[in-house]
Each structure stands twice: as structure tokens, then as C-alpha cells.
């Protein structure tokens, strides 16, 4: 199914029923599914032929969404994230406790951390508010070029994806990936936004 609107009722219904599909994120086309759906996450790993040890970035609609994953941050980190987001920057945060680490193992894959991004794209934010946080790795098979168009994405996933949202050609760098550890900002991947390694 190919549509042109992120808020299409069919997409919302499919996502709520563990569906996965291709849609434009704030950076590139992504293969998305609900982060709180183990089935959807498992399907994405299988479809992308993704290394099972590699976790995925989670798109959220607000800082409040971190509570869904029992991520606890102090005021200093909260202040930093409030200034940083929304932006094309993904942030790795530590799991709060062992129970949460066990519960969300299917997301963190043994790293005991989760990466989040609050995108600066209103229609994407609106979708996340309606369905919940999304995992959204780039629309390609592991190690293959990123799909810049729906036509390229369909070559990878065909009818195995439940839907495609076509907004034309998309290209550009991925999000910058940083980690907050011991009150220090560490650059894990250079990307769309320049970030300095500093102490909070």
C-alpha cells in the first residue's frame, strides 16, 4: 500500500496491529514500527537482516515519552535535552534499573542503553503522538545503500512491508549520535548536526 500522508488512518491502524512500513523520518526514509511492540521490532530486524546485537534508535514525541521506557534523567540532563531537541540528534541514555533492562532487552540488545530522538517534523510528531514511539532504522538491508526513494525501498522490501509513504526523493546525512555518560557528551557518530564533546 502506497500513501502520501503520515497521518493516514490505515497507517495508524497497521502500526497499532504490529505493522511495519516505510515512511519519511526527519532524516531519511525509515523502516518503522512501534517500539513497544516486540513483534514489530522483531519483524524489522528480520526484514533488514540487521545484526541482532545492534540496537535501534527510538523516535519520541516529547521528553515525557522517556517514562514509557522507565528512563530516568536528572535535571541537568533534562535541561540539556530540552535545549538540544527537537533536532537531528539521537541520544544514548542508560537504562534505569535491572528490571527495565530485562523488560526492554529486545530493544537494547544487551547494551543496557537506549537511543532516542525527538524529530523537528510536525507531521511525524503528530503520528508518534497517535501511535506511540517508533523504531525507525534507515530503509535498506544491512550494509546496503540507503533507499532515497520509495522505488528503491520497494526493491529491498517489496510486499513484506505493510505500507509505504511516498514524499519523493530524500537524501542527506543520518542523525548525529551522542551518548551522555558520567555527565559528559560523547560523539558516537557524526551526522546532520555538529555537536561538541563537553561536560554538562
C-alpha atoms as a PDB file:
ATOM      1  CA  UNK A   1       0.000   0.000   0.000  1.00  0.00           C
ATOM      2  CA  UNK A   2       1.394   3.404  -1.007  1.00  0.00           C
ATOM      3  CA  UNK A   3       0.045   6.620   0.548  1.00  0.00           C
ATOM      4  CA  UNK A   4       1.240  10.222   0.794  1.00  0.00           C
ATOM      5  CA  UNK A   5       0.116  11.229   4.284  1.00  0.00           C
ATOM      6  CA  UNK A   6       1.789  10.197   7.533  1.00  0.00           C
ATOM      7  CA  UNK A   7      -1.467  10.519   9.453  1.00  0.00           C
ATOM      8  CA  UNK A   8      -3.406   8.213   7.132  1.00  0.00           C
ATOM      9  CA  UNK A   9      -5.884   6.180   9.225  1.00  0.00           C
ATOM     10  CA  UNK A  10      -4.787   2.941   7.547  1.00  0.00           C
ATOM     11  CA  UNK A  11      -1.168   3.523   8.612  1.00  0.00           C
ATOM     12  CA  UNK A  12      -2.217   4.218  12.194  1.00  0.00           C
ATOM     13  CA  UNK A  13      -4.301   1.035  12.234  1.00  0.00           C
ATOM     14  CA  UNK A  14      -1.483  -1.042  10.751  1.00  0.00           C
ATOM     15  CA  UNK A  15       1.060   0.277  13.263  1.00  0.00           C
ATOM     16  CA  UNK A  16      -1.310  -0.441  16.146  1.00  0.00           C
ATOM     17  CA  UNK A  17      -1.533  -4.020  14.856  1.00  0.00           C
ATOM     18  CA  UNK A  18       2.239  -4.645  14.832  1.00  0.00           C
ATOM     19  CA  UNK A  19       2.602  -3.500  11.227  1.00  0.00           C
ATOM     20  CA  UNK A  20       5.838  -2.146   9.759  1.00  0.00           C
ATOM     21  CA  UNK A  21       6.369   0.134   6.800  1.00  0.00           C
ATOM     22  CA  UNK A  22       8.434   2.758   5.049  1.00  0.00           C
ATOM     23  CA  UNK A  23       7.932   6.442   5.789  1.00  0.00           C
ATOM     24  CA  UNK A  24       9.996   9.639   5.758  1.00  0.00           C
ATOM     25  CA  UNK A  25      11.598  10.452   9.104  1.00  0.00           C
ATOM     26  CA  UNK A  26      13.324  13.754   9.864  1.00  0.00           C
ATOM     27  CA  UNK A  27      16.493  12.479   8.160  1.00  0.00           C
ATOM     28  CA  UNK A  28      15.896   9.619   5.690  1.00  0.00           C
ATOM     29  CA  UNK A  29      13.273   7.051   4.742  1.00  0.00           C
ATOM     30  CA  UNK A  30      12.950   4.641   7.645  1.00  0.00           C
ATOM     31  CA  UNK A  31      11.540   1.157   8.154  1.00  0.00           C
ATOM     32  CA  UNK A  32       9.312   1.841  11.137  1.00  0.00           C
ATOM     33  CA  UNK A  33       7.245   0.007  13.712  1.00  0.00           C
ATOM     34  CA  UNK A  34       6.063   0.543  17.276  1.00  0.00           C
ATOM     35  CA  UNK A  35       8.940   0.494  19.748  1.00  0.00           C
ATOM     36  CA  UNK A  36       6.677  -1.038  22.390  1.00  0.00           C
ATOM     37  CA  UNK A  37       5.706  -3.924  20.087  1.00  0.00           C
ATOM     38  CA  UNK A  38       8.128  -6.844  20.348  1.00  0.00           C
ATOM     39  CA  UNK A  39       6.556  -8.371  17.253  1.00  0.00           C
ATOM     40  CA  UNK A  40       7.073  -5.231  15.136  1.00  0.00           C
ATOM     41  CA  UNK A  41      10.668  -4.835  16.319  1.00  0.00           C
ATOM     42  CA  UNK A  42      11.375  -8.495  15.543  1.00  0.00           C
ATOM     43  CA  UNK A  43       9.914  -8.089  12.042  1.00  0.00           C
ATOM     44  CA  UNK A  44      12.151  -5.081  11.363  1.00  0.00           C
ATOM     45  CA  UNK A  45      15.269  -6.987  12.404  1.00  0.00           C
ATOM     46  CA  UNK A  46      14.272  -9.818  10.087  1.00  0.00           C
ATOM     47  CA  UNK A  47      13.336  -7.605   7.126  1.00  0.00           C
ATOM     48  CA  UNK A  48      16.505  -5.518   7.313  1.00  0.00           C
ATOM     49  CA  UNK A  49      18.661  -8.584   8.023  1.00  0.00           C
ATOM     50  CA  UNK A  50      20.014  -6.439  10.836  1.00  0.00           C
ATOM     51  CA  UNK A  51      22.763  -7.553  13.183  1.00  0.00           C
ATOM     52  CA  UNK A  52      20.781  -8.820  16.222  1.00  0.00           C
ATOM     53  CA  UNK A  53      23.332  -7.255  18.578  1.00  0.00           C
ATOM     54  CA  UNK A  54      22.742  -3.746  17.239  1.00  0.00           C
ATOM     55  CA  UNK A  55      20.007  -1.701  18.968  1.00  0.00           C
ATOM     56  CA  UNK A  56      17.827   0.786  17.079  1.00  0.00           C
ATOM     57  CA  UNK A  57      17.064   4.464  17.600  1.00  0.00           C
ATOM     58  CA  UNK A  58      13.628   5.289  19.006  1.00  0.00           C
ATOM     59  CA  UNK A  59      11.668   8.320  17.799  1.00  0.00           C
ATOM     60  CA  UNK A  60       9.654  10.081  20.512  1.00  0.00           C
ATOM     61  CA  UNK A  61       7.177  12.967  20.532  1.00  0.00           C
ATOM     62  CA  UNK A  62       8.277  14.601  23.812  1.00  0.00           C
ATOM     63  CA  UNK A  63      10.637  14.177  26.752  1.00  0.00           C
ATOM     64  CA  UNK A  64       7.695  12.653  28.638  1.00  0.00           C
ATOM     65  CA  UNK A  65       7.886   9.601  26.326  1.00  0.00           C
ATOM     66  CA  UNK A  66      11.120   8.568  28.073  1.00  0.00           C
ATOM     67  CA  UNK A  67       8.977   7.463  31.020  1.00  0.00           C
ATOM     68  CA  UNK A  68       7.422   4.752  28.820  1.00  0.00           C
ATOM     69  CA  UNK A  69      10.841   3.057  28.854  1.00  0.00           C
ATOM     70  CA  UNK A  70      11.482   3.874  32.521  1.00  0.00           C
ATOM     71  CA  UNK A  71      14.370   6.161  31.546  1.00  0.00           C
ATOM     72  CA  UNK A  72      15.145   8.494  34.436  1.00  0.00           C
ATOM     73  CA  UNK A  73      17.210  11.629  33.865  1.00  0.00           C
ATOM     74  CA  UNK A  74      18.349  14.281  36.312  1.00  0.00           C
ATOM     75  CA  UNK A  75      17.589  17.978  35.939  1.00  0.00           C
ATOM     76  CA  UNK A  76      20.956  18.716  34.337  1.00  0.00           C
ATOM     77  CA  UNK A  77      20.400  16.200  31.520  1.00  0.00           C
ATOM     78  CA  UNK A  78      16.744  17.224  31.169  1.00  0.00           C
ATOM     79  CA  UNK A  79      17.797  20.853  30.719  1.00  0.00           C
ATOM     80  CA  UNK A  80      20.379  19.856  28.099  1.00  0.00           C
ATOM     81  CA  UNK A  81      17.897  17.722  26.140  1.00  0.00           C
ATOM     82  CA  UNK A  82      15.258  20.464  26.296  1.00  0.00           C
ATOM     83  CA  UNK A  83      17.708  22.812  24.565  1.00  0.00           C
ATOM     84  CA  UNK A  84      19.001  20.160  22.137  1.00  0.00           C
ATOM     85  CA  UNK A  85      15.661  18.792  20.910  1.00  0.00           C
ATOM     86  CA  UNK A  86      13.829  18.775  18.590  1.00  0.00           C
ATOM     87  CA  UNK A  87      16.785  18.149  16.320  1.00  0.00           C
ATOM     88  CA  UNK A  88      18.512  15.605  14.091  1.00  0.00           C
ATOM     89  CA  UNK A  89      20.456  14.324  17.093  1.00  0.00           C
ATOM     90  CA  UNK A  90      19.956  10.887  18.647  1.00  0.00           C
ATOM     91  CA  UNK A  91      20.940  10.488  22.299  1.00  0.00           C
ATOM     92  CA  UNK A  92      22.001   7.268  24.040  1.00  0.00           C
ATOM     93  CA  UNK A  93      20.740   7.096  27.625  1.00  0.00           C
ATOM     94  CA  UNK A  94      21.307   4.380  30.277  1.00  0.00           C
ATOM     95  CA  UNK A  95      18.589   2.040  31.483  1.00  0.00           C
ATOM     96  CA  UNK A  96      17.394   2.961  34.968  1.00  0.00           C
ATOM     97  CA  UNK A  97      17.397  -0.470  36.615  1.00  0.00           C
ATOM     98  CA  UNK A  98      17.778  -4.204  36.056  1.00  0.00           C
ATOM     99  CA  UNK A  99      14.039  -4.832  35.780  1.00  0.00           C
ATOM    100  CA  UNK A 100      13.743  -2.295  32.971  1.00  0.00           C
ATOM    101  CA  UNK A 101      16.836  -3.737  31.313  1.00  0.00           C
ATOM    102  CA  UNK A 102      15.217  -7.178  31.268  1.00  0.00           C
ATOM    103  CA  UNK A 103      11.876  -5.830  30.055  1.00  0.00           C
ATOM    104  CA  UNK A 104      13.393  -3.882  27.173  1.00  0.00           C
ATOM    105  CA  UNK A 105      16.145  -6.312  26.233  1.00  0.00           C
ATOM    106  CA  UNK A 106      14.512  -6.713  22.807  1.00  0.00           C
ATOM    107  CA  UNK A 107      15.330  -3.034  22.223  1.00  0.00           C
ATOM    108  CA  UNK A 108      18.723  -2.518  23.866  1.00  0.00           C
ATOM    109  CA  UNK A 109      20.151  -5.911  22.819  1.00  0.00           C
ATOM    110  CA  UNK A 110      22.412  -6.245  25.833  1.00  0.00           C
ATOM    111  CA  UNK A 111      23.821  -2.713  25.772  1.00  0.00           C
ATOM    112  CA  UNK A 112      21.658  -1.611  28.740  1.00  0.00           C
ATOM    113  CA  UNK A 113      21.164   1.717  26.961  1.00  0.00           C
ATOM    114  CA  UNK A 114      18.529   3.094  24.603  1.00  0.00           C
ATOM    115  CA  UNK A 115      18.926   5.775  21.925  1.00  0.00           C
ATOM    116  CA  UNK A 116      16.190   8.365  21.429  1.00  0.00           C
ATOM    117  CA  UNK A 117      15.499  11.238  19.041  1.00  0.00           C
ATOM    118  CA  UNK A 118      12.860  13.958  19.154  1.00  0.00           C
ATOM    119  CA  UNK A 119      12.448  14.973  15.494  1.00  0.00           C
ATOM    120  CA  UNK A 120      11.692  18.503  14.327  1.00  0.00           C
ATOM    121  CA  UNK A 121       8.977  17.410  11.922  1.00  0.00           C
ATOM    122  CA  UNK A 122       5.413  18.241  12.921  1.00  0.00           C
ATOM    123  CA  UNK A 123       3.570  15.591  10.914  1.00  0.00           C
ATOM    124  CA  UNK A 124       5.935  12.903  12.225  1.00  0.00           C
ATOM    125  CA  UNK A 125       5.465  14.139  15.800  1.00  0.00           C
ATOM    126  CA  UNK A 126       1.696  14.035  15.316  1.00  0.00           C
ATOM    127  CA  UNK A 127       1.902  10.434  14.125  1.00  0.00           C
ATOM    128  CA  UNK A 128       4.029   9.424  17.133  1.00  0.00           C
ATOM    129  CA  UNK A 129       1.531  11.090  19.467  1.00  0.00           C
ATOM    130  CA  UNK A 130      -1.230   8.955  17.953  1.00  0.00           C
ATOM    131  CA  UNK A 131       0.565   5.591  17.873  1.00  0.00           C
ATOM    132  CA  UNK A 132       3.459   5.835  20.340  1.00  0.00           C
ATOM    133  CA  UNK A 133       7.276   5.878  19.954  1.00  0.00           C
ATOM    134  CA  UNK A 134       8.679   4.315  16.792  1.00  0.00           C
ATOM    135  CA  UNK A 135      11.832   2.412  15.970  1.00  0.00           C
ATOM    136  CA  UNK A 136      12.996   3.779  12.638  1.00  0.00           C
ATOM    137  CA  UNK A 137      16.222   2.382  11.140  1.00  0.00           C
ATOM    138  CA  UNK A 138      17.015   3.511   7.613  1.00  0.00           C
ATOM    139  CA  UNK A 139      15.139   1.794   4.783  1.00  0.00           C
ATOM    140  CA  UNK A 140      17.773  -0.607   3.498  1.00  0.00           C
ATOM    141  CA  UNK A 141      19.195  -4.039   4.113  1.00  0.00           C
ATOM    142  CA  UNK A 142      22.149  -4.223   6.488  1.00  0.00           C
ATOM    143  CA  UNK A 143      25.255  -2.926   4.719  1.00  0.00           C
ATOM    144  CA  UNK A 144      23.386  -1.827   1.578  1.00  0.00           C
ATOM    145  CA  UNK A 145      22.839   1.765   0.316  1.00  0.00           C
ATOM    146  CA  UNK A 146      20.057   3.721   1.996  1.00  0.00           C
ATOM    147  CA  UNK A 147      16.861   3.958  -0.076  1.00  0.00           C
ATOM    148  CA  UNK A 148      16.383   7.540  -1.253  1.00  0.00           C
ATOM    149  CA  UNK A 149      13.063   6.838  -2.979  1.00  0.00           C
ATOM    150  CA  UNK A 150      10.084   4.550  -2.441  1.00  0.00           C
ATOM    151  CA  UNK A 151      11.044   2.711  -5.629  1.00  0.00           C
ATOM    152  CA  UNK A 152      14.434   1.848  -4.106  1.00  0.00           C
ATOM    153  CA  UNK A 153      12.798   0.861  -0.812  1.00  0.00           C
ATOM    154  CA  UNK A 154      10.379  -1.471  -2.625  1.00  0.00           C
ATOM    155  CA  UNK A 155      13.339  -3.242  -4.225  1.00  0.00           C
ATOM    156  CA  UNK A 156      14.517  -4.093  -0.724  1.00  0.00           C
ATOM    157  CA  UNK A 157      11.243  -4.956   0.961  1.00  0.00           C
ATOM    158  CA  UNK A 158       8.545  -5.426  -1.686  1.00  0.00           C
ATOM    159  CA  UNK A 159       5.270  -6.757  -0.268  1.00  0.00           C
ATOM    160  CA  UNK A 160       6.920  -7.679   3.041  1.00  0.00           C
ATOM    161  CA  UNK A 161       6.406  -4.102   4.242  1.00  0.00           C
ATOM    162  CA  UNK A 162       2.771  -3.293   5.096  1.00  0.00           C
ATOM    163  CA  UNK A 163       2.806   0.268   3.751  1.00  0.00           C
ATOM    164  CA  UNK A 164       4.894   2.919   2.003  1.00  0.00           C
ATOM    165  CA  UNK A 165       4.556   6.690   2.453  1.00  0.00           C
ATOM    166  CA  UNK A 166       5.860   8.415  -0.673  1.00  0.00           C
ATOM    167  CA  UNK A 167       7.075  12.021  -0.327  1.00  0.00           C
ATOM    168  CA  UNK A 168       9.572  11.999  -3.179  1.00  0.00           C
ATOM    169  CA  UNK A 169      13.338  11.691  -3.078  1.00  0.00           C
ATOM    170  CA  UNK A 170      15.047  12.084   0.308  1.00  0.00           C
ATOM    171  CA  UNK A 171      18.791  12.253   0.815  1.00  0.00           C
ATOM    172  CA  UNK A 172      21.199  13.618   3.377  1.00  0.00           C
ATOM    173  CA  UNK A 173      23.296  12.574   6.366  1.00  0.00           C
ATOM    174  CA  UNK A 174      21.910  10.427   9.189  1.00  0.00           C
ATOM    175  CA  UNK A 175      21.297  11.860  12.624  1.00  0.00           C
ATOM    176  CA  UNK A 176      24.258  12.702  14.814  1.00  0.00           C
ATOM    177  CA  UNK A 177      24.534  10.073  17.567  1.00  0.00           C
ATOM    178  CA  UNK A 178      25.769  11.062  21.004  1.00  0.00           C
ATOM    179  CA  UNK A 179      25.956   9.372  24.382  1.00  0.00           C
ATOM    180  CA  UNK A 180      25.548  11.000  27.773  1.00  0.00           C
ATOM    181  CA  UNK A 181      27.839   9.191  30.180  1.00  0.00           C
ATOM    182  CA  UNK A 182      29.139  10.410  33.531  1.00  0.00           C
ATOM    183  CA  UNK A 183      27.776  13.887  32.718  1.00  0.00           C
ATOM    184  CA  UNK A 184      29.855  14.042  29.549  1.00  0.00           C
ATOM    185  CA  UNK A 185      28.719  14.268  25.918  1.00  0.00           C
ATOM    186  CA  UNK A 186      30.437  11.621  23.760  1.00  0.00           C
ATOM    187  CA  UNK A 187      30.186  11.629  19.961  1.00  0.00           C
ATOM    188  CA  UNK A 188      29.364   8.126  18.715  1.00  0.00           C
ATOM    189  CA  UNK A 189      28.514   9.038  15.090  1.00  0.00           C
ATOM    190  CA  UNK A 190      28.979  12.283  13.189  1.00  0.00           C
ATOM    191  CA  UNK A 191      25.886  13.283  11.252  1.00  0.00           C
ATOM    192  CA  UNK A 192      23.481  16.062  10.371  1.00  0.00           C
ATOM    193  CA  UNK A 193      24.266  18.290  13.368  1.00  0.00           C
ATOM    194  CA  UNK A 194      27.669  19.287  14.706  1.00  0.00           C
ATOM    195  CA  UNK A 195      27.966  18.559  18.423  1.00  0.00           C
ATOM    196  CA  UNK A 196      30.948  19.210  20.686  1.00  0.00           C
ATOM    197  CA  UNK A 197      32.160  16.760  23.308  1.00  0.00           C
ATOM    198  CA  UNK A 198      31.654  18.717  26.515  1.00  0.00           C
ATOM    199  CA  UNK A 199      30.915  18.214  30.181  1.00  0.00           C
ATOM    200  CA  UNK A 200      27.430  19.033  31.359  1.00  0.00           C
END
